[in-house]
């Protein structure tokens, strides 16, 4: 199922027959747009900013908290936050199997095996590898940032930086933060610098995969990586 609400473009698979996720996304996006209209720093800052109010909507508060943990601007966490809140909404309706993909930022809960493709356009690996996610009860976030693909701002030159966390909101912010450090003269240098940056945030993630040209680096514990015939965001 495809859900398009403004700049949010969701690909959804779920075991629920009825959910009105589109209406829920419209509601939280309305909260976000209202807040941004009076707080341009929240929209434009590339660094964490502090809220000026105490009474914040859930989406705004979550973006503030994640950005502060990850040392990025709040909007670096927006796609992962919408994925996370959408998944929480579906779980609240008793979903045991839902995958929400929002521009490459995935939030999922799965009572069966899932493959999550790793899209990097890397010359060596291509788009033929995936994480094998075993069935689990708890939500999971898998978010990717790239210095070469997509519209997000990145100061690094990674093919992809993928972060796995129990919070998709945090995973989104961390993917941006770590991808900013994929800098250096060689792929090996770039990956090494990014891994050093990732070490500062180990409490917030389960695993990180960094791909830059002919170099690959990992931190933490990642799911099994398997080869696929072609790229898929998800399949079971």
C-alpha atoms as a PDB file:
ATOM      1  CA  UNK A   1       0.000   0.000   0.000  1.00  0.00           C
ATOM      2  CA  UNK A   2       1.200   3.501  -0.823  1.00  0.00           C
ATOM      3  CA  UNK A   3       0.231   6.436   1.417  1.00  0.00           C
ATOM      4  CA  UNK A   4       1.100   9.943   0.230  1.00  0.00           C
ATOM      5  CA  UNK A   5       0.475  12.891   2.545  1.00  0.00           C
ATOM      6  CA  UNK A   6       2.305  16.055   1.520  1.00  0.00           C
ATOM      7  CA  UNK A   7       6.038  15.348   1.536  1.00  0.00           C
ATOM      8  CA  UNK A   8       5.505  12.043   3.345  1.00  0.00           C
ATOM      9  CA  UNK A   9       5.512   9.017   1.069  1.00  0.00           C
ATOM     10  CA  UNK A  10       4.853   5.771   2.932  1.00  0.00           C
ATOM     11  CA  UNK A  11       5.082   2.239   1.624  1.00  0.00           C
ATOM     12  CA  UNK A  12       3.146   0.034   3.999  1.00  0.00           C
ATOM     13  CA  UNK A  13       2.575  -3.638   4.493  1.00  0.00           C
ATOM     14  CA  UNK A  14       0.475  -4.705   7.462  1.00  0.00           C
ATOM     15  CA  UNK A  15      -1.650  -7.520   8.804  1.00  0.00           C
ATOM     16  CA  UNK A  16      -4.437  -5.048   9.606  1.00  0.00           C
ATOM     17  CA  UNK A  17      -7.391  -4.867   7.260  1.00  0.00           C
ATOM     18  CA  UNK A  18      -8.544  -1.506   8.603  1.00  0.00           C
ATOM     19  CA  UNK A  19      -6.367   1.187  10.140  1.00  0.00           C
ATOM     20  CA  UNK A  20      -6.746   4.728   8.634  1.00  0.00           C
ATOM     21  CA  UNK A  21      -3.020   5.335   8.914  1.00  0.00           C
ATOM     22  CA  UNK A  22      -3.389   8.098   6.340  1.00  0.00           C
ATOM     23  CA  UNK A  23      -5.638  10.049   8.678  1.00  0.00           C
ATOM     24  CA  UNK A  24      -3.224   9.583  11.564  1.00  0.00           C
ATOM     25  CA  UNK A  25      -0.288  10.832   9.474  1.00  0.00           C
ATOM     26  CA  UNK A  26      -2.302  13.868   8.411  1.00  0.00           C
ATOM     27  CA  UNK A  27      -2.925  14.625  12.094  1.00  0.00           C
ATOM     28  CA  UNK A  28       0.703  14.433  13.244  1.00  0.00           C
ATOM     29  CA  UNK A  29       1.902  16.330  10.176  1.00  0.00           C
ATOM     30  CA  UNK A  30      -0.608  19.078  10.993  1.00  0.00           C
ATOM     31  CA  UNK A  31       0.890  19.307  14.503  1.00  0.00           C
ATOM     32  CA  UNK A  32       4.373  19.549  13.012  1.00  0.00           C
ATOM     33  CA  UNK A  33       3.455  22.168  10.407  1.00  0.00           C
ATOM     34  CA  UNK A  34       1.708  24.321  12.998  1.00  0.00           C
ATOM     35  CA  UNK A  35       4.773  24.239  15.225  1.00  0.00           C
ATOM     36  CA  UNK A  36       7.179  24.988  12.376  1.00  0.00           C
ATOM     37  CA  UNK A  37       5.119  28.003  11.309  1.00  0.00           C
ATOM     38  CA  UNK A  38       6.040  29.678  14.607  1.00  0.00           C
ATOM     39  CA  UNK A  39       9.520  28.154  15.096  1.00  0.00           C
ATOM     40  CA  UNK A  40      11.733  28.520  12.055  1.00  0.00           C
ATOM     41  CA  UNK A  41      14.834  27.463  14.007  1.00  0.00           C
ATOM     42  CA  UNK A  42      13.250  24.040  14.402  1.00  0.00           C
ATOM     43  CA  UNK A  43      12.932  23.819  10.620  1.00  0.00           C
ATOM     44  CA  UNK A  44      16.281  25.268   9.557  1.00  0.00           C
ATOM     45  CA  UNK A  45      18.828  24.425  12.245  1.00  0.00           C
ATOM     46  CA  UNK A  46      21.461  21.807  11.436  1.00  0.00           C
ATOM     47  CA  UNK A  47      22.291  21.521  15.135  1.00  0.00           C
ATOM     48  CA  UNK A  48      20.144  20.687  18.177  1.00  0.00           C
ATOM     49  CA  UNK A  49      17.946  23.505  19.439  1.00  0.00           C
ATOM     50  CA  UNK A  50      16.039  23.769  22.691  1.00  0.00           C
ATOM     51  CA  UNK A  51      12.265  24.137  22.755  1.00  0.00           C
ATOM     52  CA  UNK A  52      10.836  27.428  23.901  1.00  0.00           C
ATOM     53  CA  UNK A  53       7.624  25.877  25.183  1.00  0.00           C
ATOM     54  CA  UNK A  54       6.702  23.067  27.565  1.00  0.00           C
ATOM     55  CA  UNK A  55       3.448  21.937  25.960  1.00  0.00           C
ATOM     56  CA  UNK A  56       4.666  20.171  22.814  1.00  0.00           C
ATOM     57  CA  UNK A  57       2.896  17.739  20.532  1.00  0.00           C
ATOM     58  CA  UNK A  58       4.248  14.203  20.538  1.00  0.00           C
ATOM     59  CA  UNK A  59       5.934  14.447  17.146  1.00  0.00           C
ATOM     60  CA  UNK A  60       7.685  17.717  17.973  1.00  0.00           C
ATOM     61  CA  UNK A  61       8.846  16.497  21.383  1.00  0.00           C
ATOM     62  CA  UNK A  62      10.179  13.256  19.908  1.00  0.00           C
ATOM     63  CA  UNK A  63      12.090  15.117  17.188  1.00  0.00           C
ATOM     64  CA  UNK A  64      13.612  17.459  19.778  1.00  0.00           C
ATOM     65  CA  UNK A  65      14.721  14.573  21.970  1.00  0.00           C
ATOM     66  CA  UNK A  66      16.194  12.521  19.123  1.00  0.00           C
ATOM     67  CA  UNK A  67      18.037  15.468  17.607  1.00  0.00           C
ATOM     68  CA  UNK A  68      19.609  16.310  20.957  1.00  0.00           C
ATOM     69  CA  UNK A  69      20.773  12.724  21.436  1.00  0.00           C
ATOM     70  CA  UNK A  70      22.210  12.571  17.912  1.00  0.00           C
ATOM     71  CA  UNK A  71      23.670  16.119  17.700  1.00  0.00           C
ATOM     72  CA  UNK A  72      21.736  17.025  14.555  1.00  0.00           C
ATOM     73  CA  UNK A  73      18.940  19.447  13.707  1.00  0.00           C
ATOM     74  CA  UNK A  74      15.390  18.309  14.491  1.00  0.00           C
ATOM     75  CA  UNK A  75      14.385  17.894  10.848  1.00  0.00           C
ATOM     76  CA  UNK A  76      17.126  15.268  10.414  1.00  0.00           C
ATOM     77  CA  UNK A  77      14.829  13.000  12.428  1.00  0.00           C
ATOM     78  CA  UNK A  78      11.507  13.771  10.755  1.00  0.00           C
ATOM     79  CA  UNK A  79      11.166  10.776   8.422  1.00  0.00           C
ATOM     80  CA  UNK A  80      12.184   8.243  11.065  1.00  0.00           C
ATOM     81  CA  UNK A  81       9.913   9.879  13.621  1.00  0.00           C
ATOM     82  CA  UNK A  82       6.897   9.650  11.324  1.00  0.00           C
ATOM     83  CA  UNK A  83       7.769   6.007  10.617  1.00  0.00           C
ATOM     84  CA  UNK A  84       8.081   5.287  14.338  1.00  0.00           C
ATOM     85  CA  UNK A  85       4.837   6.981  15.299  1.00  0.00           C
ATOM     86  CA  UNK A  86       3.009   5.316  12.403  1.00  0.00           C
ATOM     87  CA  UNK A  87       4.226   1.916  13.556  1.00  0.00           C
ATOM     88  CA  UNK A  88       3.259   2.661  17.157  1.00  0.00           C
ATOM     89  CA  UNK A  89      -0.204   3.599  15.909  1.00  0.00           C
ATOM     90  CA  UNK A  90      -0.537   0.279  14.080  1.00  0.00           C
ATOM     91  CA  UNK A  91       0.759  -1.690  17.063  1.00  0.00           C
ATOM     92  CA  UNK A  92      -1.864   0.110  19.145  1.00  0.00           C
ATOM     93  CA  UNK A  93      -4.424  -1.519  16.839  1.00  0.00           C
ATOM     94  CA  UNK A  94      -2.882  -4.922  17.693  1.00  0.00           C
ATOM     95  CA  UNK A  95      -0.747  -5.332  14.582  1.00  0.00           C
ATOM     96  CA  UNK A  96       1.862  -8.070  14.884  1.00  0.00           C
ATOM     97  CA  UNK A  97       3.284  -7.550  11.398  1.00  0.00           C
ATOM     98  CA  UNK A  98       3.680  -4.061   9.965  1.00  0.00           C
ATOM     99  CA  UNK A  99       6.451  -2.474   7.937  1.00  0.00           C
ATOM    100  CA  UNK A 100       6.412   1.285   7.436  1.00  0.00           C
ATOM    101  CA  UNK A 101       8.955   2.618   4.944  1.00  0.00           C
ATOM    102  CA  UNK A 102       9.209   6.390   4.644  1.00  0.00           C
ATOM    103  CA  UNK A 103      11.823   7.485   2.125  1.00  0.00           C
ATOM    104  CA  UNK A 104      14.205   4.700   3.095  1.00  0.00           C
ATOM    105  CA  UNK A 105      13.569   4.957   6.833  1.00  0.00           C
ATOM    106  CA  UNK A 106      11.932   1.744   8.007  1.00  0.00           C
ATOM    107  CA  UNK A 107       9.995   0.980  11.177  1.00  0.00           C
ATOM    108  CA  UNK A 108       8.809  -2.579  11.593  1.00  0.00           C
ATOM    109  CA  UNK A 109       7.390  -5.210  13.862  1.00  0.00           C
ATOM    110  CA  UNK A 110       7.429  -8.701  12.410  1.00  0.00           C
ATOM    111  CA  UNK A 111       6.090 -12.052  13.524  1.00  0.00           C
ATOM    112  CA  UNK A 112       7.790 -13.673  10.530  1.00  0.00           C
ATOM    113  CA  UNK A 113      11.110 -13.472   8.713  1.00  0.00           C
ATOM    114  CA  UNK A 114      11.728 -10.290   6.710  1.00  0.00           C
ATOM    115  CA  UNK A 115      14.435  -9.195   4.271  1.00  0.00           C
ATOM    116  CA  UNK A 116      15.254  -5.487   4.274  1.00  0.00           C
ATOM    117  CA  UNK A 117      17.266  -4.428   1.230  1.00  0.00           C
ATOM    118  CA  UNK A 118      20.294  -2.148   1.594  1.00  0.00           C
ATOM    119  CA  UNK A 119      20.157   0.477  -1.127  1.00  0.00           C
ATOM    120  CA  UNK A 120      23.575   2.049  -1.711  1.00  0.00           C
ATOM    121  CA  UNK A 121      24.212   1.953  -5.490  1.00  0.00           C
ATOM    122  CA  UNK A 122      27.729   0.889  -4.541  1.00  0.00           C
ATOM    123  CA  UNK A 123      29.854  -0.173  -7.531  1.00  0.00           C
ATOM    124  CA  UNK A 124      31.075  -3.296  -5.739  1.00  0.00           C
ATOM    125  CA  UNK A 125      28.018  -4.436  -3.771  1.00  0.00           C
ATOM    126  CA  UNK A 126      25.297  -3.008  -5.979  1.00  0.00           C
ATOM    127  CA  UNK A 127      21.808  -3.290  -4.503  1.00  0.00           C
ATOM    128  CA  UNK A 128      21.844  -7.041  -4.017  1.00  0.00           C
ATOM    129  CA  UNK A 129      22.348  -7.372  -0.268  1.00  0.00           C
ATOM    130  CA  UNK A 130      19.808  -7.299   2.521  1.00  0.00           C
ATOM    131  CA  UNK A 131      19.419  -7.682   6.263  1.00  0.00           C
ATOM    132  CA  UNK A 132      17.644 -10.846   7.323  1.00  0.00           C
ATOM    133  CA  UNK A 133      15.392  -9.834  10.197  1.00  0.00           C
ATOM    134  CA  UNK A 134      14.206 -12.758  12.283  1.00  0.00           C
ATOM    135  CA  UNK A 135      10.711 -12.649  13.725  1.00  0.00           C
ATOM    136  CA  UNK A 136      10.491 -10.484  16.815  1.00  0.00           C
ATOM    137  CA  UNK A 137       7.955  -8.940  19.167  1.00  0.00           C
ATOM    138  CA  UNK A 138       9.564  -5.544  19.648  1.00  0.00           C
ATOM    139  CA  UNK A 139       9.640  -2.644  17.135  1.00  0.00           C
ATOM    140  CA  UNK A 140      12.795  -2.016  15.144  1.00  0.00           C
ATOM    141  CA  UNK A 141      14.121   0.924  13.151  1.00  0.00           C
ATOM    142  CA  UNK A 142      16.371   0.621  10.102  1.00  0.00           C
ATOM    143  CA  UNK A 143      17.320   4.027   8.685  1.00  0.00           C
ATOM    144  CA  UNK A 144      19.770   5.013   5.978  1.00  0.00           C
ATOM    145  CA  UNK A 145      21.514   8.231   4.986  1.00  0.00           C
ATOM    146  CA  UNK A 146      23.670   8.822   1.932  1.00  0.00           C
ATOM    147  CA  UNK A 147      25.944  11.551   0.640  1.00  0.00           C
ATOM    148  CA  UNK A 148      25.127  10.554  -2.920  1.00  0.00           C
ATOM    149  CA  UNK A 149      21.460   9.499  -3.003  1.00  0.00           C
ATOM    150  CA  UNK A 150      18.313  11.331  -1.950  1.00  0.00           C
ATOM    151  CA  UNK A 151      17.405  14.871  -0.958  1.00  0.00           C
ATOM    152  CA  UNK A 152      18.611  14.938   2.651  1.00  0.00           C
ATOM    153  CA  UNK A 153      21.542  17.179   3.583  1.00  0.00           C
ATOM    154  CA  UNK A 154      24.769  15.247   4.191  1.00  0.00           C
ATOM    155  CA  UNK A 155      28.265  16.656   4.613  1.00  0.00           C
ATOM    156  CA  UNK A 156      29.917  13.298   3.959  1.00  0.00           C
ATOM    157  CA  UNK A 157      30.380  11.213   0.829  1.00  0.00           C
ATOM    158  CA  UNK A 158      29.041   7.821   1.875  1.00  0.00           C
ATOM    159  CA  UNK A 159      27.303   5.468  -0.493  1.00  0.00           C
ATOM    160  CA  UNK A 160      25.157   4.608   2.513  1.00  0.00           C
ATOM    161  CA  UNK A 161      25.148   4.639   6.299  1.00  0.00           C
ATOM    162  CA  UNK A 162      22.508   2.363   7.805  1.00  0.00           C
ATOM    163  CA  UNK A 163      21.667   2.453  11.496  1.00  0.00           C
ATOM    164  CA  UNK A 164      19.599  -0.136  13.369  1.00  0.00           C
ATOM    165  CA  UNK A 165      17.987   0.932  16.626  1.00  0.00           C
ATOM    166  CA  UNK A 166      14.919   0.151  18.670  1.00  0.00           C
ATOM    167  CA  UNK A 167      13.904   3.751  17.892  1.00  0.00           C
ATOM    168  CA  UNK A 168      13.504   4.658  14.195  1.00  0.00           C
ATOM    169  CA  UNK A 169      13.545   8.329  15.194  1.00  0.00           C
ATOM    170  CA  UNK A 170      16.998   7.925  16.739  1.00  0.00           C
ATOM    171  CA  UNK A 171      18.166   5.717  13.877  1.00  0.00           C
ATOM    172  CA  UNK A 172      17.264   8.460  11.387  1.00  0.00           C
ATOM    173  CA  UNK A 173      19.175  11.135  13.280  1.00  0.00           C
ATOM    174  CA  UNK A 174      22.178   8.892  13.856  1.00  0.00           C
ATOM    175  CA  UNK A 175      22.338   7.892  10.193  1.00  0.00           C
ATOM    176  CA  UNK A 176      22.639  11.583   9.320  1.00  0.00           C
ATOM    177  CA  UNK A 177      25.158  12.297  12.079  1.00  0.00           C
ATOM    178  CA  UNK A 178      27.441   9.386  11.208  1.00  0.00           C
ATOM    179  CA  UNK A 179      27.120   9.969   7.455  1.00  0.00           C
ATOM    180  CA  UNK A 180      28.382  13.529   7.979  1.00  0.00           C
ATOM    181  CA  UNK A 181      31.684  12.041   9.138  1.00  0.00           C
ATOM    182  CA  UNK A 182      32.261   9.873   6.071  1.00  0.00           C
ATOM    183  CA  UNK A 183      35.101  12.135   4.953  1.00  0.00           C
ATOM    184  CA  UNK A 184      38.704  11.492   3.903  1.00  0.00           C
ATOM    185  CA  UNK A 185      40.933  10.884   0.910  1.00  0.00           C
ATOM    186  CA  UNK A 186      40.160   7.188   0.530  1.00  0.00           C
ATOM    187  CA  UNK A 187      37.195   4.927   1.176  1.00  0.00           C
ATOM    188  CA  UNK A 188      39.103   3.341   4.031  1.00  0.00           C
ATOM    189  CA  UNK A 189      39.766   6.739   5.635  1.00  0.00           C
ATOM    190  CA  UNK A 190      36.133   7.764   5.257  1.00  0.00           C
ATOM    191  CA  UNK A 191      34.806   4.589   6.844  1.00  0.00           C
ATOM    192  CA  UNK A 192      37.338   4.794   9.683  1.00  0.00           C
ATOM    193  CA  UNK A 193      36.366   8.382  10.504  1.00  0.00           C
ATOM    194  CA  UNK A 194      32.676   7.500  10.478  1.00  0.00           C
ATOM    195  CA  UNK A 195      33.230   4.520  12.773  1.00  0.00           C
ATOM    196  CA  UNK A 196      35.037   6.792  15.230  1.00  0.00           C
ATOM    197  CA  UNK A 197      31.999   9.078  15.209  1.00  0.00           C
ATOM    198  CA  UNK A 198      29.626   6.143  15.657  1.00  0.00           C
ATOM    199  CA  UNK A 199      31.479   5.056  18.801  1.00  0.00           C
ATOM    200  CA  UNK A 200      30.250   8.223  20.533  1.00  0.00           C
ATOM    201  CA  UNK A 201      26.629   7.090  20.142  1.00  0.00           C
ATOM    202  CA  UNK A 202      26.803   3.362  20.876  1.00  0.00           C
ATOM    203  CA  UNK A 203      24.193   3.617  23.628  1.00  0.00           C
ATOM    204  CA  UNK A 204      21.576   4.588  21.046  1.00  0.00           C
ATOM    205  CA  UNK A 205      21.994   1.920  18.378  1.00  0.00           C
ATOM    206  CA  UNK A 206      22.254  -1.826  17.920  1.00  0.00           C
ATOM    207  CA  UNK A 207      24.365  -1.784  14.779  1.00  0.00           C
ATOM    208  CA  UNK A 208      25.741   0.422  12.007  1.00  0.00           C
ATOM    209  CA  UNK A 209      26.753  -0.455   8.452  1.00  0.00           C
ATOM    210  CA  UNK A 210      28.882   2.059   6.510  1.00  0.00           C
ATOM    211  CA  UNK A 211      29.590   1.691   2.784  1.00  0.00           C
ATOM    212  CA  UNK A 212      31.954   4.017   0.917  1.00  0.00           C
ATOM    213  CA  UNK A 213      33.371   2.999  -2.469  1.00  0.00           C
ATOM    214  CA  UNK A 214      35.457  -0.166  -1.932  1.00  0.00           C
ATOM    215  CA  UNK A 215      35.341  -0.019   1.876  1.00  0.00           C
ATOM    216  CA  UNK A 216      32.770  -1.332   4.341  1.00  0.00           C
ATOM    217  CA  UNK A 217      32.705  -0.883   8.095  1.00  0.00           C
ATOM    218  CA  UNK A 218      30.428  -2.085  10.869  1.00  0.00           C
ATOM    219  CA  UNK A 219      29.847  -1.255  14.506  1.00  0.00           C
ATOM    220  CA  UNK A 220      27.747  -3.078  17.066  1.00  0.00           C
ATOM    221  CA  UNK A 221      25.638  -6.101  16.210  1.00  0.00           C
ATOM    222  CA  UNK A 222      23.939  -6.311  12.833  1.00  0.00           C
ATOM    223  CA  UNK A 223      21.411  -8.814  11.511  1.00  0.00           C
ATOM    224  CA  UNK A 224      22.677 -11.433   9.098  1.00  0.00           C
ATOM    225  CA  UNK A 225      23.493  -9.938   5.690  1.00  0.00           C
ATOM    226  CA  UNK A 226      22.323 -12.052   2.768  1.00  0.00           C
ATOM    227  CA  UNK A 227      22.532 -11.749  -1.010  1.00  0.00           C
ATOM    228  CA  UNK A 228      19.346 -11.041  -2.932  1.00  0.00           C
ATOM    229  CA  UNK A 229      18.530 -11.284  -6.626  1.00  0.00           C
ATOM    230  CA  UNK A 230      17.383  -7.698  -6.750  1.00  0.00           C
ATOM    231  CA  UNK A 231      16.749  -4.786  -4.429  1.00  0.00           C
ATOM    232  CA  UNK A 232      13.666  -4.894  -2.233  1.00  0.00           C
ATOM    233  CA  UNK A 233      12.823  -2.577   0.634  1.00  0.00           C
ATOM    234  CA  UNK A 234      11.123  -5.534   2.187  1.00  0.00           C
ATOM    235  CA  UNK A 235       9.756  -8.925   1.372  1.00  0.00           C
ATOM    236  CA  UNK A 236       8.776 -11.991   3.348  1.00  0.00           C
END
